[in-house]
Amino acid sequence: MSISITTPLYYVNDKPHLGSTYSTIATDAYARYLRLKGKDIIFVTGVDEHGQKIQRTAALKGISPSEHCNDVSKKYLELWDKWKITNDRFIRTTSESHKKLVEEFFLRVKAKGDIKLGNQQGWYCVGCEEYKDVDDTDEEPNCPIHLNKLEWRDEENLFFCLSNYQKEIETLVRSKYFIQPESRKNEIVNFVSKGLKDFSISRVDVTWGISVPGYQGHTFYVWFDALLGYLSSLLPKEEEVKLDNLSKYGWPANVHIIGKDILRFHAIYWPAMLMSANLELPNKVFGHGFLTSEGQKMGKSLGNIIDPEKLLEIYGEDAIRWYLLSDIKFGQDGDFQNQRFCDLVNSNLANTIGNLLNRTIAMSRKWFNCCVPIFTYKEESNSLMSKANVSIEEVINYYDQLSFKEACQSILNLASSANLYLNDKEPWKLIKEDSNKEKVAYYIYNVLESCRIVSLLINPVVPNLSLNMLKQLNLESQINDWNKYLNWGHLNQGAELTEPKPVISKIE
């Protein structure tokens, strides 16, 4: 049975930025890992296209909201294609199938008695599409995120009765695995413990949205609408909208991978909505941290926004993927530092991994007729095989936990061990004596087999480097099946080796 994993549904107020790219790369790495383990998954990403912010942005540009959404959504699709993101679905919340699902979901929740009509007063941030808690003494409060003045709202809205689910949500957010990483849980537990308040799910002054059935002039609040994209994305286009069919299409989600700023919506509001509709809950919500640039928050006024498209053009996807996933602990905030980025890519990928493979292949070709060595000699203890077996177990465990940095470090440790092994055995000296050729064959084989294991383990993070390494070993057919090939000894003795060449370019 399929399982689904999701990125956020990105708000199309502007083109993709490094933060949205970070979420998507991480989810892509997890998706690749699950597929290599033989899991049948549906990788969902997409865009959230409704709301007042988009309505106003389009008006400022002198175009319709639909034209604006088409333009920005196209940019997301094109960028993910350039990054070779392996998503199976791309949902747009302006699609007709999504609209029908939102309407059916609302009617089900309303029939449950969880919808009421009321009045909403408060300070509102259009950028966040959210009411803000502010100091009562502040006459002109600002949004702490966007730093713009908040707008006072006093209007009739429909409300979802979140307070009806206080006990259920409290139990859920305190459970061991639902909110990850653990550091994110406390803020949500504290928020819930103060008592859940019913939240507005409609607006009366926003025409760019899905109309609420039975309530003239009301359109759905962007968050109520957008979260349902995780469900509508799973239904085939020709399928009649039936919420009870979702389990056969990959619901519930295995994990929602999101930025920490939208954790409350995903960990509180979303589960309560699903409970009301009598639908299964996602297994996990993972809130990752923010990215800064050279120690500073990125912003147009500072002129330090990093354009993911330009990064890709200059450095290629593997270099960026390695840096973002290997140097930043997933779940914590991270800082993009250009010098450190260059140093890590060159040191880790080009030298520790790439150079190890190239020099070992060169020795094997030179001494063993352009082939993987054939040998009968064996030592009682094979330290590299033992290290590889430990690394395989560690890396699988880390990927399962979305601990990308730790997985990368374990892979790098295996490559470093192979380098030390090669330097310790000094085959270039031993080969000078014919009597040592069997030993040299054994040592070279062990290093090449370690490189093969590295190339498989590293695939979810840097897929191009992984494939390049396997091609050097004439083993590209092994790339798609960890269950069969991710154990010691699948490098065939006597197999032909291609001419070594750099498997990843150094950054100058």
Foldseek 3Di string as FASTA:
>chain_A
DEAEEEEAAAEQLDADFVFSVLSQLLLLLLVQLCLQAVHHYAYEYEHQQFADSLCVSCVVVVHGSVVSCVVRRVNVVVVCVLLVRDHRFYDYLVDPLLLVLLQVLVVLLVVLVFKDKDKDWAWADRVVLDGDDDDPVDPFDADPVVRHTTDIDIGIFMWGALQVCLVVLLVQLPDDAAEPDPVLSVVLNVVSVVGDHIDGFWDQPTPGARDHPPDPSIHTRSLSSRVCSVQSRQDDPVDDDDSVVRVVRHPPHQEYEYASVCVNSLSRVSVSSCVSSVHDHHRYYYHWYEEDEPPHRDDVVVVPGDHVVVVCVQFNNLLVLCCSQQVDFGRYYYYDYPVVSQVCCCPQPQPLQQVLLQVLQVVCCVQPVQFQADADDDDPDDVLQVLLVVLVVQLSVCSVSSRRNSNSVSLSVSSNVLVVLCVVVVLVVQVVDVVCSRVSSVSSNSSLQSSLLSLQSCCSRRVQLSQLSCVQLVRNVSNRHCPPPNHPDPRDHGHGGDNRDGSHDRDD
